[in-house]
Amino acid sequence: QIKNLVAWGETEQAKKALQQLITFCPNDEEAKSLLWVLG
């Protein structure tokens, strides 16, 4: 769903969702990487 948000240009919502995801899954490297890419 986050990748869809990014594809639709909804980067701020994607960042918020990624931050929530990392809260629950702190070792998820893909989520961390995507959050880093989004700035």
ModelCIF file with pLDDT and N, C-alpha, C, O atoms, coordinates in Angstrom:
data_MODEL
#
_entry.id   MODEL 
#
_entity.id                         1 
_entity.type                       polymer 
_entity.pdbx_number_of_molecules   1 
#
_entity_poly.entity_id                      1 
_entity_poly.type                           'polypeptide(L)' 
_entity_poly.nstd_linkage                   no 
_entity_poly.nstd_monomer                   no 
_entity_poly.pdbx_seq_one_letter_code       QIKNLVAWGETEQAKKALQQLITFCPNDEEAKSLLWVLG 
_entity_poly.pdbx_seq_one_letter_code_can   QIKNLVAWGETEQAKKALQQLITFCPNDEEAKSLLWVLG 
_entity_poly.pdbx_strand_id                 A 
#
loop_
_entity_poly_seq.entity_id 
_entity_poly_seq.num 
_entity_poly_seq.mon_id 
_entity_poly_seq.hetero 
1 1  GLN n 
1 2  ILE n 
1 3  LYS n 
1 4  ASN n 
1 5  LEU n 
1 6  VAL n 
1 7  ALA n 
1 8  TRP n 
1 9  GLY n 
1 10 GLU n 
1 11 THR n 
1 12 GLU n 
1 13 GLN n 
1 14 ALA n 
1 15 LYS n 
1 16 LYS n 
1 17 ALA n 
1 18 LEU n 
1 19 GLN n 
1 20 GLN n 
1 21 LEU n 
1 22 ILE n 
1 23 THR n 
1 24 PHE n 
1 25 CYS n 
1 26 PRO n 
1 27 ASN n 
1 28 ASP n 
1 29 GLU n 
1 30 GLU n 
1 31 ALA n 
1 32 LYS n 
1 33 SER n 
1 34 LEU n 
1 35 LEU n 
1 36 TRP n 
1 37 VAL n 
1 38 LEU n 
1 39 GLY n 
#
_struct_asym.id          A 
_struct_asym.entity_id   1 
#
loop_
_ma_qa_metric.id 
_ma_qa_metric.mode 
_ma_qa_metric.name 
_ma_qa_metric.software_group_id 
_ma_qa_metric.type 
1 global pLDDT . pLDDT 
2 local  pLDDT . pLDDT 
#
_ma_qa_metric_global.metric_id      1 
_ma_qa_metric_global.metric_value   90.44 
_ma_qa_metric_global.model_id       1 
_ma_qa_metric_global.ordinal_id     1 
#
loop_
_ma_qa_metric_local.label_asym_id 
_ma_qa_metric_local.label_comp_id 
_ma_qa_metric_local.label_seq_id 
_ma_qa_metric_local.metric_id 
_ma_qa_metric_local.metric_value 
_ma_qa_metric_local.model_id 
_ma_qa_metric_local.ordinal_id 
A GLN 1  2 94.00 1 1  
A ILE 2  2 92.00 1 2  
A LYS 3  2 91.00 1 3  
A ASN 4  2 94.00 1 4  
A LEU 5  2 93.00 1 5  
A VAL 6  2 91.00 1 6  
A ALA 7  2 93.00 1 7  
A TRP 8  2 94.00 1 8  
A GLY 9  2 92.00 1 9  
A GLU 10 2 93.00 1 10 
A THR 11 2 91.00 1 11 
A GLU 12 2 92.00 1 12 
A GLN 13 2 93.00 1 13 
A ALA 14 2 92.00 1 14 
A LYS 15 2 92.00 1 15 
A LYS 16 2 92.00 1 16 
A ALA 17 2 93.00 1 17 
A LEU 18 2 91.00 1 18 
A GLN 19 2 92.00 1 19 
A GLN 20 2 91.00 1 20 
A LEU 21 2 91.00 1 21 
A ILE 22 2 90.00 1 22 
A THR 23 2 89.00 1 23 
A PHE 24 2 83.00 1 24 
A CYS 25 2 85.00 1 25 
A PRO 26 2 88.00 1 26 
A ASN 27 2 88.00 1 27 
A ASP 28 2 88.00 1 28 
A GLU 29 2 91.00 1 29 
A GLU 30 2 90.00 1 30 
A ALA 31 2 90.00 1 31 
A LYS 32 2 90.00 1 32 
A SER 33 2 91.00 1 33 
A LEU 34 2 88.00 1 34 
A LEU 35 2 88.00 1 35 
A TRP 36 2 90.00 1 36 
A VAL 37 2 88.00 1 37 
A LEU 38 2 88.00 1 38 
A GLY 39 2 85.00 1 39 
#
loop_
_atom_site.group_PDB 
_atom_site.id 
_atom_site.type_symbol 
_atom_site.label_atom_id 
_atom_site.label_alt_id 
_atom_site.label_comp_id 
_atom_site.label_asym_id 
_atom_site.label_entity_id 
_atom_site.label_seq_id 
_atom_site.pdbx_PDB_ins_code 
_atom_site.Cartn_x 
_atom_site.Cartn_y 
_atom_site.Cartn_z 
_atom_site.occupancy 
_atom_site.B_iso_or_equiv 
_atom_site.pdbx_formal_charge 
_atom_site.auth_seq_id 
_atom_site.auth_comp_id 
_atom_site.auth_asym_id 
_atom_site.auth_atom_id 
_atom_site.pdbx_PDB_model_num 
ATOM 1   N N  . GLN A 1 1  ? 0.829  -1.206 0.000  1.00 94.00 ? 1  GLN A N  1 
ATOM 2   C CA . GLN A 1 1  ? 0.000  0.000  0.000  1.00 94.00 ? 1  GLN A CA 1 
ATOM 3   C C  . GLN A 1 1  ? 0.866  1.260  0.000  1.00 94.00 ? 1  GLN A C  1 
ATOM 4   O O  . GLN A 1 1  ? 0.533  2.252  -0.648 1.00 94.00 ? 1  GLN A O  1 
ATOM 5   N N  . ILE A 1 2  ? 1.971  1.210  0.728  1.00 92.00 ? 2  ILE A N  1 
ATOM 6   C CA . ILE A 1 2  ? 2.882  2.358  0.781  1.00 92.00 ? 2  ILE A CA 1 
ATOM 7   C C  . ILE A 1 2  ? 3.497  2.600  -0.593 1.00 92.00 ? 2  ILE A C  1 
ATOM 8   O O  . ILE A 1 2  ? 3.617  3.743  -1.033 1.00 92.00 ? 2  ILE A O  1 
ATOM 9   N N  . LYS A 1 3  ? 3.881  1.537  -1.256 1.00 91.00 ? 3  LYS A N  1 
ATOM 10  C CA . LYS A 1 3  ? 4.444  1.673  -2.604 1.00 91.00 ? 3  LYS A CA 1 
ATOM 11  C C  . LYS A 1 3  ? 3.413  2.271  -3.551 1.00 91.00 ? 3  LYS A C  1 
ATOM 12  O O  . LYS A 1 3  ? 3.763  3.052  -4.436 1.00 91.00 ? 3  LYS A O  1 
ATOM 13  N N  . ASN A 1 4  ? 2.161  1.917  -3.376 1.00 94.00 ? 4  ASN A N  1 
ATOM 14  C CA . ASN A 1 4  ? 1.099  2.524  -4.187 1.00 94.00 ? 4  ASN A CA 1 
ATOM 15  C C  . ASN A 1 4  ? 0.982  4.012  -3.893 1.00 94.00 ? 4  ASN A C  1 
ATOM 16  O O  . ASN A 1 4  ? 0.815  4.817  -4.810 1.00 94.00 ? 4  ASN A O  1 
ATOM 17  N N  . LEU A 1 5  ? 1.067  4.380  -2.630 1.00 93.00 ? 5  LEU A N  1 
ATOM 18  C CA . LEU A 1 5  ? 1.019  5.799  -2.269 1.00 93.00 ? 5  LEU A CA 1 
ATOM 19  C C  . LEU A 1 5  ? 2.142  6.561  -2.951 1.00 93.00 ? 5  LEU A C  1 
ATOM 20  O O  . LEU A 1 5  ? 1.931  7.653  -3.478 1.00 93.00 ? 5  LEU A O  1 
ATOM 21  N N  . VAL A 1 6  ? 3.342  5.979  -2.939 1.00 91.00 ? 6  VAL A N  1 
ATOM 22  C CA . VAL A 1 6  ? 4.482  6.624  -3.591 1.00 91.00 ? 6  VAL A CA 1 
ATOM 23  C C  . VAL A 1 6  ? 4.217  6.768  -5.085 1.00 91.00 ? 6  VAL A C  1 
ATOM 24  O O  . VAL A 1 6  ? 4.470  7.822  -5.668 1.00 91.00 ? 6  VAL A O  1 
ATOM 25  N N  . ALA A 1 7  ? 3.712  5.715  -5.695 1.00 93.00 ? 7  ALA A N  1 
ATOM 26  C CA . ALA A 1 7  ? 3.424  5.742  -7.133 1.00 93.00 ? 7  ALA A CA 1 
ATOM 27  C C  . ALA A 1 7  ? 2.388  6.814  -7.466 1.00 93.00 ? 7  ALA A C  1 
ATOM 28  O O  . ALA A 1 7  ? 2.427  7.402  -8.547 1.00 93.00 ? 7  ALA A O  1 
ATOM 29  N N  . TRP A 1 8  ? 1.472  7.068  -6.551 1.00 94.00 ? 8  TRP A N  1 
ATOM 30  C CA . TRP A 1 8  ? 0.428  8.062  -6.768 1.00 94.00 ? 8  TRP A CA 1 
ATOM 31  C C  . TRP A 1 8  ? 0.877  9.466  -6.365 1.00 94.00 ? 8  TRP A C  1 
ATOM 32  O O  . TRP A 1 8  ? 0.106  10.422 -6.458 1.00 94.00 ? 8  TRP A O  1 
ATOM 33  N N  . GLY A 1 9  ? 2.123  9.584  -5.918 1.00 92.00 ? 9  GLY A N  1 
ATOM 34  C CA . GLY A 1 9  ? 2.650  10.886 -5.532 1.00 92.00 ? 9  GLY A CA 1 
ATOM 35  C C  . GLY A 1 9  ? 2.288  11.332 -4.129 1.00 92.00 ? 9  GLY A C  1 
ATOM 36  O O  . GLY A 1 9  ? 2.496  12.492 -3.773 1.00 92.00 ? 9  GLY A O  1 
ATOM 37  N N  . GLU A 1 10 ? 1.758  10.439 -3.343 1.00 93.00 ? 10 GLU A N  1 
ATOM 38  C CA . GLU A 1 10 ? 1.350  10.756 -1.963 1.00 93.00 ? 10 GLU A CA 1 
ATOM 39  C C  . GLU A 1 10 ? 2.504  10.456 -1.000 1.00 93.00 ? 10 GLU A C  1 
ATOM 40  O O  . GLU A 1 10 ? 2.382  9.616  -0.109 1.00 93.00 ? 10 GLU A O  1 
ATOM 41  N N  . THR A 1 11 ? 3.626  11.159 -1.196 1.00 91.00 ? 11 THR A N  1 
ATOM 42  C CA . THR A 1 11 ? 4.828  10.830 -0.424 1.00 91.00 ? 11 THR A CA 1 
ATOM 43  C C  . THR A 1 11 ? 4.701  11.137 1.064  1.00 91.00 ? 11 THR A C  1 
ATOM 44  O O  . THR A 1 11 ? 5.247  10.410 1.895  1.00 91.00 ? 11 THR A O  1 
ATOM 45  N N  . GLU A 1 12 ? 3.991  12.200 1.405  1.00 92.00 ? 12 GLU A N  1 
ATOM 46  C CA . GLU A 1 12 ? 3.847  12.530 2.837  1.00 92.00 ? 12 GLU A CA 1 
ATOM 47  C C  . GLU A 1 12 ? 3.065  11.434 3.564  1.00 92.00 ? 12 GLU A C  1 
ATOM 48  O O  . GLU A 1 12 ? 3.434  11.032 4.667  1.00 92.00 ? 12 GLU A O  1 
ATOM 49  N N  . GLN A 1 13 ? 1.993  10.957 2.947  1.00 93.00 ? 13 GLN A N  1 
ATOM 50  C CA . GLN A 1 13 ? 1.237  9.858  3.563  1.00 93.00 ? 13 GLN A CA 1 
ATOM 51  C C  . GLN A 1 13 ? 2.085  8.592  3.607  1.00 93.00 ? 13 GLN A C  1 
ATOM 52  O O  . GLN A 1 13 ? 2.019  7.831  4.572  1.00 93.00 ? 13 GLN A O  1 
ATOM 53  N N  . ALA A 1 14 ? 2.878  8.368  2.568  1.00 92.00 ? 14 ALA A N  1 
ATOM 54  C CA . ALA A 1 14 ? 3.752  7.195  2.537  1.00 92.00 ? 14 ALA A CA 1 
ATOM 55  C C  . ALA A 1 14 ? 4.776  7.265  3.664  1.00 92.00 ? 14 ALA A C  1 
ATOM 56  O O  . ALA A 1 14 ? 5.048  6.254  4.312  1.00 92.00 ? 14 ALA A O  1 
ATOM 57  N N  . LYS A 1 15 ? 5.348  8.446  3.908  1.00 92.00 ? 15 LYS A N  1 
ATOM 58  C CA . LYS A 1 15 ? 6.314  8.618  4.991  1.00 92.00 ? 15 LYS A CA 1 
ATOM 59  C C  . LYS A 1 15 ? 5.679  8.298  6.340  1.00 92.00 ? 15 LYS A C  1 
ATOM 60  O O  . LYS A 1 15 ? 6.265  7.590  7.159  1.00 92.00 ? 15 LYS A O  1 
ATOM 61  N N  . LYS A 1 16 ? 4.474  8.827  6.564  1.00 92.00 ? 16 LYS A N  1 
ATOM 62  C CA . LYS A 1 16 ? 3.787  8.568  7.838  1.00 92.00 ? 16 LYS A CA 1 
ATOM 63  C C  . LYS A 1 16 ? 3.508  7.082  8.023  1.00 92.00 ? 16 LYS A C  1 
ATOM 64  O O  . LYS A 1 16 ? 3.698  6.535  9.109  1.00 92.00 ? 16 LYS A O  1 
ATOM 65  N N  . ALA A 1 17 ? 3.058  6.437  6.959  1.00 93.00 ? 17 ALA A N  1 
ATOM 66  C CA . ALA A 1 17 ? 2.770  5.002  7.039  1.00 93.00 ? 17 ALA A CA 1 
ATOM 67  C C  . ALA A 1 17 ? 4.046  4.206  7.286  1.00 93.00 ? 17 ALA A C  1 
ATOM 68  O O  . ALA A 1 17 ? 4.039  3.240  8.049  1.00 93.00 ? 17 ALA A O  1 
ATOM 69  N N  . LEU A 1 18 ? 5.133  4.604  6.648  1.00 91.00 ? 18 LEU A N  1 
ATOM 70  C CA . LEU A 1 18 ? 6.413  3.914  6.857  1.00 91.00 ? 18 LEU A CA 1 
ATOM 71  C C  . LEU A 1 18 ? 6.896  4.086  8.292  1.00 91.00 ? 18 LEU A C  1 
ATOM 72  O O  . LEU A 1 18 ? 7.400  3.140  8.898  1.00 91.00 ? 18 LEU A O  1 
ATOM 73  N N  . GLN A 1 19 ? 6.745  5.277  8.829  1.00 92.00 ? 19 GLN A N  1 
ATOM 74  C CA . GLN A 1 19 ? 7.151  5.514  10.215 1.00 92.00 ? 19 GLN A CA 1 
ATOM 75  C C  . GLN A 1 19 ? 6.350  4.635  11.171 1.00 92.00 ? 19 GLN A C  1 
ATOM 76  O O  . GLN A 1 19 ? 6.896  4.119  12.147 1.00 92.00 ? 19 GLN A O  1 
ATOM 77  N N  . GLN A 1 20 ? 5.070  4.465  10.896 1.00 91.00 ? 20 GLN A N  1 
ATOM 78  C CA . GLN A 1 20 ? 4.251  3.577  11.720 1.00 91.00 ? 20 GLN A CA 1 
ATOM 79  C C  . GLN A 1 20 ? 4.696  2.137  11.560 1.00 91.00 ? 20 GLN A C  1 
ATOM 80  O O  . GLN A 1 20 ? 4.797  1.394  12.536 1.00 91.00 ? 20 GLN A O  1 
ATOM 81  N N  . LEU A 1 21 ? 4.963  1.746  10.319 1.00 91.00 ? 21 LEU A N  1 
ATOM 82  C CA . LEU A 1 21 ? 5.399  0.380  10.060 1.00 91.00 ? 21 LEU A CA 1 
ATOM 83  C C  . LEU A 1 21 ? 6.707  0.082  10.788 1.00 91.00 ? 21 LEU A C  1 
ATOM 84  O O  . LEU A 1 21 ? 6.863  -0.988 11.375 1.00 91.00 ? 21 LEU A O  1 
ATOM 85  N N  . ILE A 1 22 ? 7.635  1.016  10.750 1.00 90.00 ? 22 ILE A N  1 
ATOM 86  C CA . ILE A 1 22 ? 8.928  0.818  11.416 1.00 90.00 ? 22 ILE A CA 1 
ATOM 87  C C  . ILE A 1 22 ? 8.761  0.761  12.930 1.00 90.00 ? 22 ILE A C  1 
ATOM 88  O O  . ILE A 1 22 ? 9.543  0.103  13.615 1.00 90.00 ? 22 ILE A O  1 
ATOM 89  N N  . THR A 1 23 ? 7.760  1.438  13.451 1.00 89.00 ? 23 THR A N  1 
ATOM 90  C CA . THR A 1 23 ? 7.483  1.355  14.891 1.00 89.00 ? 23 THR A CA 1 
ATOM 91  C C  . THR A 1 23 ? 7.145  -0.086 15.285 1.00 89.00 ? 23 THR A C  1 
ATOM 92  O O  . THR A 1 23 ? 7.584  -0.576 16.326 1.00 89.00 ? 23 THR A O  1 
ATOM 93  N N  . PHE A 1 24 ? 6.358  -0.755 14.436 1.00 83.00 ? 24 PHE A N  1 
ATOM 94  C CA . PHE A 1 24 ? 5.944  -2.119 14.731 1.00 83.00 ? 24 PHE A CA 1 
ATOM 95  C C  . PHE A 1 24 ? 6.951  -3.159 14.248 1.00 83.00 ? 24 PHE A C  1 
ATOM 96  O O  . PHE A 1 24 ? 7.034  -4.252 14.809 1.00 83.00 ? 24 PHE A O  1 
ATOM 97  N N  . CYS A 1 25 ? 7.702  -2.829 13.228 1.00 85.00 ? 25 CYS A N  1 
ATOM 98  C CA . CYS A 1 25 ? 8.686  -3.760 12.643 1.00 85.00 ? 25 CYS A CA 1 
ATOM 99  C C  . CYS A 1 25 ? 10.023 -3.032 12.520 1.00 85.00 ? 25 CYS A C  1 
ATOM 100 O O  . CYS A 1 25 ? 10.434 -2.689 11.411 1.00 85.00 ? 25 CYS A O  1 
ATOM 101 N N  . PRO A 1 26 ? 10.705 -2.792 13.636 1.00 88.00 ? 26 PRO A N  1 
ATOM 102 C CA . PRO A 1 26 ? 11.917 -1.966 13.604 1.00 88.00 ? 26 PRO A CA 1 
ATOM 103 C C  . PRO A 1 26 ? 13.083 -2.572 12.812 1.00 88.00 ? 26 PRO A C  1 
ATOM 104 O O  . PRO A 1 26 ? 14.031 -1.860 12.481 1.00 88.00 ? 26 PRO A O  1 
ATOM 105 N N  . ASN A 1 27 ? 13.029 -3.847 12.511 1.00 88.00 ? 27 ASN A N  1 
ATOM 106 C CA . ASN A 1 27 ? 14.119 -4.488 11.779 1.00 88.00 ? 27 ASN A CA 1 
ATOM 107 C C  . ASN A 1 27 ? 13.827 -4.658 10.296 1.00 88.00 ? 27 ASN A C  1 
ATOM 108 O O  . ASN A 1 27 ? 14.562 -5.355 9.596  1.00 88.00 ? 27 ASN A O  1 
ATOM 109 N N  . ASP A 1 28 ? 12.766 -4.032 9.812  1.00 88.00 ? 28 ASP A N  1 
ATOM 110 C CA . ASP A 1 28 ? 12.396 -4.164 8.414  1.00 88.00 ? 28 ASP A CA 1 
ATOM 111 C C  . ASP A 1 28 ? 13.279 -3.240 7.568  1.00 88.00 ? 28 ASP A C  1 
ATOM 112 O O  . ASP A 1 28 ? 13.043 -2.035 7.480  1.00 88.00 ? 28 ASP A O  1 
ATOM 113 N N  . GLU A 1 29 ? 14.285 -3.831 6.958  1.00 91.00 ? 29 GLU A N  1 
ATOM 114 C CA . GLU A 1 29 ? 15.257 -3.050 6.197  1.00 91.00 ? 29 GLU A CA 1 
ATOM 115 C C  . GLU A 1 29 ? 14.636 -2.406 4.949  1.00 91.00 ? 29 GLU A C  1 
ATOM 116 O O  . GLU A 1 29 ? 15.011 -1.297 4.569  1.00 91.00 ? 29 GLU A O  1 
ATOM 117 N N  . GLU A 1 30 ? 13.703 -3.094 4.326  1.00 90.00 ? 30 GLU A N  1 
ATOM 118 C CA . GLU A 1 30 ? 13.061 -2.528 3.137  1.00 90.00 ? 30 GLU A CA 1 
ATOM 119 C C  . GLU A 1 30 ? 12.299 -1.252 3.492  1.00 90.00 ? 30 GLU A C  1 
ATOM 120 O O  . GLU A 1 30 ? 12.369 -0.258 2.769  1.00 90.00 ? 30 GLU A O  1 
ATOM 121 N N  . ALA A 1 31 ? 11.578 -1.287 4.600  1.00 90.00 ? 31 ALA A N  1 
ATOM 122 C CA . ALA A 1 31 ? 10.824 -0.108 5.033  1.00 90.00 ? 31 ALA A CA 1 
ATOM 123 C C  . ALA A 1 31 ? 11.773 1.033  5.395  1.00 90.00 ? 31 ALA A C  1 
ATOM 124 O O  . ALA A 1 31 ? 11.516 2.182  5.035  1.00 90.00 ? 31 ALA A O  1 
ATOM 125 N N  . LYS A 1 32 ? 12.863 0.736  6.100  1.00 90.00 ? 32 LYS A N  1 
ATOM 126 C CA . LYS A 1 32 ? 13.842 1.755  6.450  1.00 90.00 ? 32 LYS A CA 1 
ATOM 127 C C  . LYS A 1 32 ? 14.450 2.383  5.205  1.00 90.00 ? 32 LYS A C  1 
ATOM 128 O O  . LYS A 1 32 ? 14.625 3.599  5.122  1.00 90.00 ? 32 LYS A O  1 
ATOM 129 N N  . SER A 1 33 ? 14.765 1.531  4.246  1.00 91.00 ? 33 SER A N  1 
ATOM 130 C CA . SER A 1 33 ? 15.379 2.005  3.017  1.00 91.00 ? 33 SER A CA 1 
ATOM 131 C C  . SER A 1 33 ? 14.426 2.910  2.246  1.00 91.00 ? 33 SER A C  1 
ATOM 132 O O  . SER A 1 33 ? 14.827 3.965  1.753  1.00 91.00 ? 33 SER A O  1 
ATOM 133 N N  . LEU A 1 34 ? 13.187 2.507  2.145  1.00 88.00 ? 34 LEU A N  1 
ATOM 134 C CA . LEU A 1 34 ? 12.199 3.316  1.432  1.00 88.00 ? 34 LEU A CA 1 
ATOM 135 C C  . LEU A 1 34 ? 11.980 4.643  2.136  1.00 88.00 ? 34 LEU A C  1 
ATOM 136 O O  . LEU A 1 34 ? 11.831 5.676  1.484  1.00 88.00 ? 34 LEU A O  1 
ATOM 137 N N  . LEU A 1 35 ? 11.959 4.624  3.449  1.00 88.00 ? 35 LEU A N  1 
ATOM 138 C CA . LEU A 1 35 ? 11.807 5.865  4.199  1.00 88.00 ? 35 LEU A CA 1 
ATOM 139 C C  . LEU A 1 35 ? 12.996 6.776  3.951  1.00 88.00 ? 35 LEU A C  1 
ATOM 140 O O  . LEU A 1 35 ? 12.824 7.985  3.801  1.00 88.00 ? 35 LEU A O  1 
ATOM 141 N N  . TRP A 1 36 ? 14.187 6.223  3.907  1.00 90.00 ? 36 TRP A N  1 
ATOM 142 C CA . TRP A 1 36 ? 15.390 7.004  3.623  1.00 90.00 ? 36 TRP A CA 1 
ATOM 143 C C  . TRP A 1 36 ? 15.308 7.618  2.230  1.00 90.00 ? 36 TRP A C  1 
ATOM 144 O O  . TRP A 1 36 ? 15.645 8.787  2.042  1.00 90.00 ? 36 TRP A O  1 
ATOM 145 N N  . VAL A 1 37 ? 14.863 6.838  1.265  1.00 88.00 ? 37 VAL A N  1 
ATOM 146 C CA . VAL A 1 37 ? 14.733 7.320  -0.117 1.00 88.00 ? 37 VAL A CA 1 
ATOM 147 C C  . VAL A 1 37 ? 13.738 8.476  -0.178 1.00 88.00 ? 37 VAL A C  1 
ATOM 148 O O  . VAL A 1 37 ? 13.923 9.419  -0.947 1.00 88.00 ? 37 VAL A O  1 
ATOM 149 N N  . LEU A 1 38 ? 12.701 8.404  0.621  1.00 88.00 ? 38 LEU A N  1 
ATOM 150 C CA . LEU A 1 38 ? 11.688 9.460  0.611  1.00 88.00 ? 38 LEU A CA 1 
ATOM 151 C C  . LEU A 1 38 ? 12.136 10.698 1.378  1.00 88.00 ? 38 LEU A C  1 
ATOM 152 O O  . LEU A 1 38 ? 11.469 11.732 1.342  1.00 88.00 ? 38 LEU A O  1 
ATOM 153 N N  . GLY A 1 39 ? 13.268 10.590 2.073  1.00 85.00 ? 39 GLY A N  1 
ATOM 154 C CA . GLY A 1 39 ? 13.830 11.763 2.735  1.00 85.00 ? 39 GLY A CA 1 
ATOM 155 C C  . GLY A 1 39 ? 13.342 12.001 4.138  1.00 85.00 ? 39 GLY A C  1 
ATOM 156 O O  . GLY A 1 39 ? 13.758 12.966 4.781  1.00 85.00 ? 39 GLY A O  1 
#
